[in-house]
Amino acid sequence: MNSMKWGAFLAAAGVALSAFGAHGLQSRIAPEMLEIYKTATHYGLLHSFALILFGLAGIRKSWPARCFLGGICVFCGSLFALVASGIKSFGAITPIGGVLFIIGWLGFGWLAKGER
């Protein structure tokens, strides 16, 4: 897994999705749904930069990077699905992505200490 490439791609997608939310959704969805959308884009951008950190740190083939990628897919994806569909049950799987983010950060700290 090339975390820098994934991070760069997801950062670009995050900027595009953020712009779409600010300019294309603001007048089309309820304010509380727009806040959910903003949360998804915020966490997606934040963790795309975390993926880039793995590449900058020279850490390759790491399970924490996969946790970040999985967290982006599950956390952000479920929130985007909730906003797009209005189906509240998508929010039930969002915490799984949050747990993946937490595990990813703990793993990053462990690997960064040199305990590979």
Protein backbone atom coordinates (compact mmCIF):
# COMPACT_ATOMS: atom_id res chain seq x y z
CA MET A 1 0.00 0.00 0.00
CA ASN A 2 1.45 3.34 -0.97
CA SER A 3 0.06 5.51 1.79
CA MET A 4 1.34 8.78 0.29
CA LYS A 5 -0.49 8.14 -2.99
CA TRP A 6 -3.68 7.15 -1.15
CA GLY A 7 -3.34 10.16 1.12
CA ALA A 8 -2.84 12.57 -1.78
CA PHE A 9 -5.78 11.10 -3.72
CA LEU A 10 -8.06 11.23 -0.68
CA ALA A 11 -6.95 14.78 0.17
CA ALA A 12 -7.87 15.89 -3.34
CA ALA A 13 -11.21 14.10 -3.03
CA GLY A 14 -11.73 15.75 0.37
CA VAL A 15 -11.19 19.22 -1.02
CA ALA A 16 -13.59 18.52 -3.90
CA LEU A 17 -16.22 17.08 -1.54
CA SER A 18 -15.82 20.02 0.85
CA ALA A 19 -16.29 22.50 -2.00
CA PHE A 20 -19.34 20.59 -3.21
CA GLY A 21 -20.82 20.71 0.29
CA ALA A 22 -20.17 24.42 0.66
CA HIS A 23 -21.43 25.43 -2.78
CA GLY A 24 -23.73 22.67 -3.98
CA LEU A 25 -25.46 21.31 -0.90
CA GLN A 26 -25.90 24.27 1.39
CA SER A 27 -29.29 25.24 0.01
CA ARG A 28 -30.42 21.67 -0.75
CA ILE A 29 -30.17 19.81 2.55
CA ALA A 30 -31.16 20.51 6.13
CA PRO A 31 -28.57 22.29 8.30
CA GLU A 32 -28.11 19.23 10.56
CA MET A 33 -27.37 17.07 7.49
CA LEU A 34 -24.89 19.68 6.27
CA GLU A 35 -23.10 19.45 9.63
CA ILE A 36 -22.89 15.66 9.25
CA TYR A 37 -21.50 16.16 5.75
CA LYS A 38 -18.92 18.65 7.08
CA THR A 39 -17.87 16.14 9.76
CA ALA A 40 -17.30 13.50 7.09
CA THR A 41 -15.18 15.80 4.95
CA HIS A 42 -13.23 17.08 7.97
CA TYR A 43 -12.30 13.60 9.20
CA GLY A 44 -11.55 12.43 5.67
CA LEU A 45 -9.13 15.30 5.07
CA LEU A 46 -7.50 14.93 8.47
CA HIS A 47 -6.86 11.23 8.00
CA SER A 48 -5.72 11.59 4.40
CA PHE A 49 -2.89 13.71 5.81
CA ALA A 50 -2.24 11.00 8.37
CA LEU A 51 -1.70 8.59 5.48
CA ILE A 52 0.78 11.03 3.96
CA LEU A 53 2.64 11.08 7.31
CA PHE A 54 3.29 7.35 6.97
CA GLY A 55 5.04 7.93 3.68
CA LEU A 56 7.03 10.87 5.05
CA ALA A 57 8.07 8.77 8.05
CA GLY A 58 9.19 5.97 5.73
CA ILE A 59 6.79 3.49 7.30
CA ARG A 60 5.65 1.02 4.64
CA LYS A 61 3.13 -1.81 4.66
CA SER A 62 1.76 -0.85 8.04
CA TRP A 63 -1.47 -1.98 9.58
CA PRO A 64 -2.14 1.45 11.15
CA ALA A 65 -2.21 3.03 7.68
CA ARG A 66 -4.75 0.40 6.66
CA CYS A 67 -6.79 1.35 9.75
CA PHE A 68 -6.80 4.98 8.60
CA LEU A 69 -7.87 3.96 5.10
CA GLY A 70 -10.57 1.69 6.50
CA GLY A 71 -11.67 4.42 8.89
CA ILE A 72 -12.04 6.88 6.03
CA CYS A 73 -14.11 4.36 4.08
CA VAL A 74 -16.35 3.35 7.01
CA PHE A 75 -16.61 6.58 9.03
CA CYS A 76 -16.79 9.07 6.18
CA GLY A 77 -18.53 6.71 3.79
CA SER A 78 -21.33 5.94 6.24
CA LEU A 79 -21.87 9.65 6.94
CA PHE A 80 -21.94 10.48 3.22
CA ALA A 81 -24.42 7.62 2.71
CA LEU A 82 -26.58 8.92 5.55
CA VAL A 83 -26.67 12.43 4.06
CA ALA A 84 -27.32 11.17 0.52
CA SER A 85 -30.03 8.69 1.46
CA GLY A 86 -31.52 9.97 4.70
CA ILE A 87 -31.33 6.40 6.05
CA LYS A 88 -30.39 6.86 9.71
CA SER A 89 -29.12 3.28 10.12
CA PHE A 90 -25.98 4.23 8.17
CA GLY A 91 -25.00 6.18 11.27
CA ALA A 92 -24.94 2.95 13.25
CA ILE A 93 -21.73 1.79 11.54
CA THR A 94 -19.96 5.16 11.78
CA PRO A 95 -18.40 4.34 15.19
CA ILE A 96 -16.59 1.37 13.64
CA GLY A 97 -14.70 3.82 11.47
CA GLY A 98 -13.98 5.96 14.52
CA VAL A 99 -12.50 2.96 16.32
CA LEU A 100 -10.33 2.27 13.26
CA PHE A 101 -9.06 5.88 13.44
CA ILE A 102 -8.18 5.48 17.13
CA ILE A 103 -6.40 2.17 16.52
CA GLY A 104 -4.57 3.75 13.59
CA TRP A 105 -3.30 6.64 15.72
CA LEU A 106 -2.20 4.32 18.51
CA GLY A 107 -0.44 2.11 15.98
CA PHE A 108 1.22 5.10 14.36
CA GLY A 109 2.59 6.14 17.75
CA TRP A 110 3.83 2.62 18.40
CA LEU A 111 5.55 2.37 15.03
CA ALA A 112 6.96 5.90 15.28
CA LYS A 113 8.71 4.93 18.51
CA GLY A 114 10.75 2.47 16.47
CA GLU A 115 9.12 -0.63 17.96
CA ARG A 116 8.44 -2.11 14.54
